[in-house]
């Protein structure tokens, strides 16, 4: 009888102790990646109507506190024991510009002030490729802001989107052939003896919901020329898929981890009721970039990949 009572008591104690045990196990299993570097383009810098980072030597890079690297620091910096964040990412960067970001120097600063050199990181995130495919410049102008252009010589309207789309396809395949060497450089640059490094290559989210009707598509006060959302949406979504495929394969070939962020935007694309892309027109440098909630969604996909 006594042995039965003792067994029951032990079971009760185990049940009450389990939450703290789980907490200790979670802490024991968490990664320690104290030095974090964010590389890339405007998707890394978090462009938009947000607060800029402190002591930024190049305001044209548009690095903000809404960016997913900064949100990772705020939400999970303690989990990863991050002590320095290096932020050489810059708006407008192409995959070729990543080389300069990687070779920008070894300096860092203790938190809370970021460094803007590569440093000697344990954790690296990369968001780049969209500017190689001209998705945030020529394609937006051709496929969204001027979907049908008037030719005064022929007295006809034409669609400049098609030519830009074909050029973007060529450029994206070129990225797929060359960017692997840059990822490899990010894996090895400035490594100290015995140091290991994790490199995460983040993809892009498709911009449009082209199957849900037009009730929640942007109106003329935002993105112009309906029904461009169907035409441009298919053009741009296809390019995002192609870009993701190319950078995923390049990352996996060299041992980096690809992070698929697209699923996080399901139900929150352009033409969805709650859109996580900036669509305010004519702020052309911001449209098609994530809102603050969109940046948080990217951060969550990144964190899930790390953890």
Protein backbone atom coordinates (compact mmCIF):
# COMPACT_ATOMS: atom_id res chain seq x y z
CA UNK A 1 0.00 0.00 0.00
CA UNK A 2 2.81 2.37 0.94
CA UNK A 3 4.58 1.76 -2.37
CA UNK A 4 1.39 2.63 -4.28
CA UNK A 5 1.00 5.91 -2.36
CA UNK A 6 4.63 6.83 -3.00
CA UNK A 7 4.22 6.13 -6.70
CA UNK A 8 1.11 8.33 -6.85
CA UNK A 9 2.90 11.11 -4.99
CA UNK A 10 5.83 10.93 -7.41
CA UNK A 11 3.42 11.13 -10.36
CA UNK A 12 1.71 14.21 -8.91
CA UNK A 13 5.07 15.92 -8.34
CA UNK A 14 6.14 15.14 -11.91
CA UNK A 15 2.95 16.65 -13.31
CA UNK A 16 3.38 19.88 -11.36
CA UNK A 17 7.09 20.05 -12.24
CA UNK A 18 6.67 19.46 -15.96
CA UNK A 19 6.20 23.12 -17.04
CA UNK A 20 9.51 24.19 -15.50
CA UNK A 21 11.21 21.11 -16.88
CA UNK A 22 9.97 21.98 -20.35
CA UNK A 23 11.22 25.51 -19.91
CA UNK A 24 14.67 24.30 -18.91
CA UNK A 25 14.73 21.84 -21.80
CA UNK A 26 13.77 24.59 -24.24
CA UNK A 27 16.55 26.81 -22.91
CA UNK A 28 19.04 23.96 -23.09
CA UNK A 29 18.13 23.18 -26.69
CA UNK A 30 18.10 26.79 -27.96
CA UNK A 31 20.90 27.90 -30.27
CA UNK A 32 23.46 30.43 -29.13
CA UNK A 33 24.24 32.73 -32.06
CA UNK A 34 25.52 35.95 -30.48
CA UNK A 35 26.79 37.73 -33.60
CA UNK A 36 24.15 38.38 -36.27
CA UNK A 37 24.66 40.01 -39.68
CA UNK A 38 21.84 41.00 -42.06
CA UNK A 39 22.68 41.22 -45.77
CA UNK A 40 20.50 42.16 -48.70
CA UNK A 41 18.17 44.67 -50.29
CA UNK A 42 15.12 46.71 -49.29
CA UNK A 43 13.32 43.58 -48.10
CA UNK A 44 16.09 43.25 -45.51
CA UNK A 45 16.14 46.95 -44.61
CA UNK A 46 12.37 47.19 -44.15
CA UNK A 47 11.74 50.29 -46.27
CA UNK A 48 8.58 52.26 -45.58
CA UNK A 49 7.15 54.89 -43.25
CA UNK A 50 9.03 53.50 -40.26
CA UNK A 51 11.66 54.67 -37.76
CA UNK A 52 15.20 54.53 -39.10
CA UNK A 53 18.03 52.75 -37.29
CA UNK A 54 20.35 54.75 -35.08
CA UNK A 55 23.70 56.12 -36.29
CA UNK A 56 23.22 54.91 -39.86
CA UNK A 57 26.16 56.14 -41.97
CA UNK A 58 24.13 55.90 -45.20
CA UNK A 59 20.51 57.12 -44.86
CA UNK A 60 19.91 56.15 -48.49
CA UNK A 61 19.98 52.50 -47.42
CA UNK A 62 16.64 53.08 -45.65
CA UNK A 63 17.33 50.67 -42.77
CA UNK A 64 14.41 50.73 -40.33
CA UNK A 65 13.29 49.33 -37.00
CA UNK A 66 10.42 47.57 -38.76
CA UNK A 67 12.86 45.36 -40.70
CA UNK A 68 12.74 41.65 -40.01
CA UNK A 69 16.39 41.59 -38.75
CA UNK A 70 15.60 44.25 -36.16
CA UNK A 71 12.35 42.53 -35.22
CA UNK A 72 14.27 39.27 -34.74
CA UNK A 73 16.58 41.10 -32.36
CA UNK A 74 13.65 42.47 -30.36
CA UNK A 75 11.62 39.26 -30.28
CA UNK A 76 14.29 36.57 -30.04
CA UNK A 77 17.56 38.33 -29.28
CA UNK A 78 17.52 36.92 -25.75
CA UNK A 79 16.72 33.42 -27.02
CA UNK A 80 19.74 33.48 -29.34
CA UNK A 81 21.83 35.55 -26.89
CA UNK A 82 22.55 38.10 -29.59
CA UNK A 83 25.13 40.62 -28.40
CA UNK A 84 25.93 42.37 -31.70
CA UNK A 85 23.92 43.07 -34.85
CA UNK A 86 25.67 44.07 -38.07
CA UNK A 87 23.48 45.60 -40.75
CA UNK A 88 25.25 46.20 -44.08
CA UNK A 89 22.03 45.46 -46.02
CA UNK A 90 21.03 48.39 -48.22
CA UNK A 91 17.95 49.29 -50.23
CA UNK A 92 18.48 48.80 -53.94
CA UNK A 93 21.15 46.13 -53.53
CA UNK A 94 21.51 43.36 -56.10
CA UNK A 95 23.07 39.96 -55.51
CA UNK A 96 26.34 41.36 -56.88
CA UNK A 97 26.23 44.08 -54.21
CA UNK A 98 26.27 41.34 -51.56
CA UNK A 99 29.99 40.94 -52.23
CA UNK A 100 30.68 44.50 -51.08
CA UNK A 101 28.47 43.94 -48.03
CA UNK A 102 30.39 40.79 -47.13
CA UNK A 103 33.73 42.56 -47.64
CA UNK A 104 32.64 45.68 -45.73
CA UNK A 105 34.84 44.99 -42.70
CA UNK A 106 35.10 43.08 -39.44
CA UNK A 107 33.96 45.78 -37.04
CA UNK A 108 31.01 45.47 -34.70
CA UNK A 109 29.53 47.27 -31.72
CA UNK A 110 27.80 46.02 -28.60
CA UNK A 111 24.06 46.44 -28.54
CA UNK A 112 21.96 48.53 -28.82
CA UNK A 113 23.90 50.34 -31.60
CA UNK A 114 24.21 48.38 -34.85
CA UNK A 115 27.40 48.09 -36.86
CA UNK A 116 27.18 48.45 -40.61
CA UNK A 117 30.06 46.13 -41.49
CA UNK A 118 29.92 42.36 -42.03
CA UNK A 119 31.77 41.50 -38.85
CA UNK A 120 32.47 37.89 -37.92
CA UNK A 121 28.94 36.56 -37.50
CA UNK A 122 27.54 33.28 -36.22
CA UNK A 123 24.20 33.96 -37.93
CA UNK A 124 23.67 35.52 -41.37
CA UNK A 125 20.45 36.34 -43.19
CA UNK A 126 20.32 37.22 -46.90
CA UNK A 127 17.44 38.81 -48.83
CA UNK A 128 18.47 39.62 -52.39
CA UNK A 129 17.48 38.92 -55.97
CA UNK A 130 14.43 41.09 -56.47
CA UNK A 131 16.48 43.96 -57.84
CA UNK A 132 18.31 41.63 -60.23
CA UNK A 133 14.96 40.75 -61.75
CA UNK A 134 13.96 44.44 -61.68
CA UNK A 135 10.81 43.55 -59.72
CA UNK A 136 11.03 46.68 -57.60
CA UNK A 137 11.86 49.12 -60.39
CA UNK A 138 11.32 48.48 -64.10
CA UNK A 139 8.66 45.81 -63.66
CA UNK A 140 6.58 47.88 -61.26
CA UNK A 141 6.74 50.83 -63.62
CA UNK A 142 5.90 48.72 -66.67
CA UNK A 143 3.39 46.28 -65.19
CA UNK A 144 1.69 48.42 -62.56
CA UNK A 145 2.26 52.15 -62.83
CA UNK A 146 1.98 52.27 -66.64
CA UNK A 147 0.37 49.02 -67.64
CA UNK A 148 -0.82 50.39 -70.99
CA UNK A 149 1.37 53.03 -72.66
CA UNK A 150 0.36 55.20 -75.61
CA UNK A 151 2.65 55.13 -78.65
CA UNK A 152 2.30 58.49 -80.39
CA UNK A 153 3.88 57.14 -83.59
CA UNK A 154 1.45 54.27 -84.10
CA UNK A 155 -1.45 55.96 -82.29
CA UNK A 156 -1.94 52.77 -80.32
CA UNK A 157 -1.69 51.60 -76.75
CA UNK A 158 0.77 48.82 -76.00
CA UNK A 159 1.69 46.77 -72.93
CA UNK A 160 5.35 47.34 -71.89
CA UNK A 161 5.01 44.69 -69.21
CA UNK A 162 5.66 41.79 -71.58
CA UNK A 163 9.14 42.94 -72.67
CA UNK A 164 10.19 43.71 -69.09
CA UNK A 165 8.90 40.31 -67.97
CA UNK A 166 11.01 38.43 -70.50
CA UNK A 167 14.09 40.44 -69.54
CA UNK A 168 13.44 39.68 -65.86
CA UNK A 169 13.28 35.96 -66.63
CA UNK A 170 16.71 36.14 -68.27
CA UNK A 171 18.12 38.10 -65.32
CA UNK A 172 16.69 35.67 -62.74
CA UNK A 173 18.23 32.65 -64.44
CA UNK A 174 21.54 34.53 -64.41
CA UNK A 175 21.17 35.02 -60.65
CA UNK A 176 20.64 31.31 -60.21
CA UNK A 177 23.92 30.57 -62.02
CA UNK A 178 26.07 33.05 -60.08
CA UNK A 179 24.69 33.67 -56.61
CA UNK A 180 25.83 30.35 -55.15
CA UNK A 181 29.44 31.56 -55.00
CA UNK A 182 28.28 34.64 -53.08
CA UNK A 183 26.38 32.49 -50.59
CA UNK A 184 29.53 30.40 -50.19
CA UNK A 185 31.50 33.57 -49.43
CA UNK A 186 28.94 34.53 -46.77
CA UNK A 187 29.43 31.11 -45.18
CA UNK A 188 33.20 31.47 -44.87
CA UNK A 189 34.22 35.15 -44.72
CA UNK A 190 35.98 36.28 -41.53
CA UNK A 191 35.46 32.97 -39.74
CA UNK A 192 37.65 32.64 -36.68
CA UNK A 193 39.24 29.36 -35.58
CA UNK A 194 36.61 26.93 -34.36
CA UNK A 195 33.73 29.21 -35.28
CA UNK A 196 30.67 27.83 -37.06
CA UNK A 197 28.14 29.86 -39.00
CA UNK A 198 24.54 29.46 -40.11
CA UNK A 199 23.45 31.26 -43.29
CA UNK A 200 19.77 31.67 -44.15
CA UNK A 201 18.62 32.81 -47.60
CA UNK A 202 15.12 34.24 -47.44
CA UNK A 203 12.78 34.08 -50.41
CA UNK A 204 10.05 36.49 -51.44
CA UNK A 205 6.28 36.28 -51.14
CA UNK A 206 3.97 36.35 -54.15
CA UNK A 207 2.34 39.76 -54.34
CA UNK A 208 -1.19 39.12 -55.61
CA UNK A 209 -4.20 36.99 -54.86
CA UNK A 210 -5.43 36.58 -58.43
CA UNK A 211 -8.22 34.11 -57.60
CA UNK A 212 -10.23 35.94 -54.98
CA UNK A 213 -12.10 38.54 -57.03
CA UNK A 214 -11.55 42.29 -57.11
CA UNK A 215 -13.54 43.50 -54.11
CA UNK A 216 -10.43 44.20 -52.04
CA UNK A 217 -8.04 45.16 -54.82
CA UNK A 218 -6.41 48.60 -54.55
CA UNK A 219 -8.49 51.43 -55.97
CA UNK A 220 -7.45 54.36 -58.14
CA UNK A 221 -6.19 56.29 -55.13
CA UNK A 222 -3.54 53.65 -54.57
CA UNK A 223 -2.44 51.50 -57.50
CA UNK A 224 -3.88 52.83 -60.77
CA UNK A 225 -5.48 51.30 -63.86
CA UNK A 226 -7.85 48.45 -62.92
CA UNK A 227 -8.04 45.61 -63.86
CA UNK A 228 -4.24 45.55 -63.74
CA UNK A 229 -4.35 43.32 -60.67
CA UNK A 230 -5.15 40.27 -62.81
CA UNK A 231 -2.63 40.99 -65.59
CA UNK A 232 0.20 42.27 -63.41
CA UNK A 233 -0.59 39.78 -60.67
CA UNK A 234 0.07 36.78 -62.85
CA UNK A 235 3.20 38.33 -64.37
CA UNK A 236 4.70 39.22 -61.00
CA UNK A 237 3.67 36.09 -59.11
CA UNK A 238 5.29 33.91 -61.77
CA UNK A 239 8.53 35.84 -61.44
CA UNK A 240 8.53 35.50 -57.65
CA UNK A 241 8.12 31.73 -58.00
CA UNK A 242 10.96 31.59 -60.53
CA UNK A 243 13.26 33.71 -58.36
CA UNK A 244 12.53 31.61 -55.27
CA UNK A 245 13.30 28.42 -57.18
CA UNK A 246 16.66 29.75 -58.37
CA UNK A 247 17.88 31.12 -55.04
CA UNK A 248 16.60 28.03 -53.18
CA UNK A 249 18.63 25.70 -55.40
CA UNK A 250 21.72 27.92 -55.15
CA UNK A 251 21.46 28.06 -51.34
CA UNK A 252 20.99 24.33 -50.94
CA UNK A 253 23.91 23.56 -53.27
CA UNK A 254 26.39 25.34 -50.96
CA UNK A 255 24.92 24.35 -47.59
CA UNK A 256 22.91 27.47 -46.77
CA UNK A 257 19.29 27.20 -45.60
CA UNK A 258 16.49 28.57 -47.77
CA UNK A 259 13.58 30.17 -45.89
CA UNK A 260 10.23 30.09 -47.69
CA UNK A 261 8.24 33.12 -46.51
CA UNK A 262 5.40 32.83 -49.05
CA UNK A 263 3.02 30.80 -46.90
CA UNK A 264 3.08 33.50 -44.22
CA UNK A 265 1.39 35.89 -46.68
CA UNK A 266 -1.47 33.56 -47.58
CA UNK A 267 -4.65 35.60 -47.12
CA UNK A 268 -2.63 38.82 -46.92
CA UNK A 269 -1.65 39.54 -50.51
CA UNK A 270 -2.72 42.42 -52.73
CA UNK A 271 -6.46 41.96 -53.41
CA UNK A 272 -6.95 40.25 -50.04
CA UNK A 273 -8.98 42.08 -47.41
CA UNK A 274 -6.01 42.50 -45.08
CA UNK A 275 -3.00 43.14 -47.27
CA UNK A 276 0.54 43.00 -45.85
CA UNK A 277 2.12 44.82 -48.80
CA UNK A 278 2.41 48.59 -49.04
CA UNK A 279 0.14 49.81 -51.82
CA UNK A 280 0.01 53.57 -51.23
CA UNK A 281 0.48 55.31 -54.55
CA UNK A 282 2.49 57.33 -55.65
CA UNK A 283 5.12 56.36 -53.05
CA UNK A 284 6.77 54.20 -55.71
CA UNK A 285 9.83 53.37 -53.63
CA UNK A 286 7.64 51.68 -51.02
CA UNK A 287 4.90 49.89 -52.91
CA UNK A 288 5.16 46.11 -53.08
CA UNK A 289 7.28 46.09 -49.93
CA UNK A 290 5.93 44.53 -46.74
CA UNK A 291 4.04 46.52 -44.16
CA UNK A 292 5.15 46.30 -40.54
CA UNK A 293 2.97 43.20 -40.14
CA UNK A 294 4.50 41.75 -43.31
CA UNK A 295 8.00 42.30 -41.95
CA UNK A 296 6.94 40.55 -38.75
CA UNK A 297 5.66 37.60 -40.80
CA UNK A 298 9.04 37.34 -42.56
CA UNK A 299 10.77 37.46 -39.18
CA UNK A 300 8.54 34.64 -37.90
CA UNK A 301 9.42 32.44 -40.89
CA UNK A 302 13.11 33.19 -40.29
CA UNK A 303 12.82 32.37 -36.60
CA UNK A 304 11.02 29.10 -37.27
CA UNK A 305 13.82 28.10 -39.63
CA UNK A 306 16.46 28.91 -37.00
CA UNK A 307 14.67 27.21 -34.14
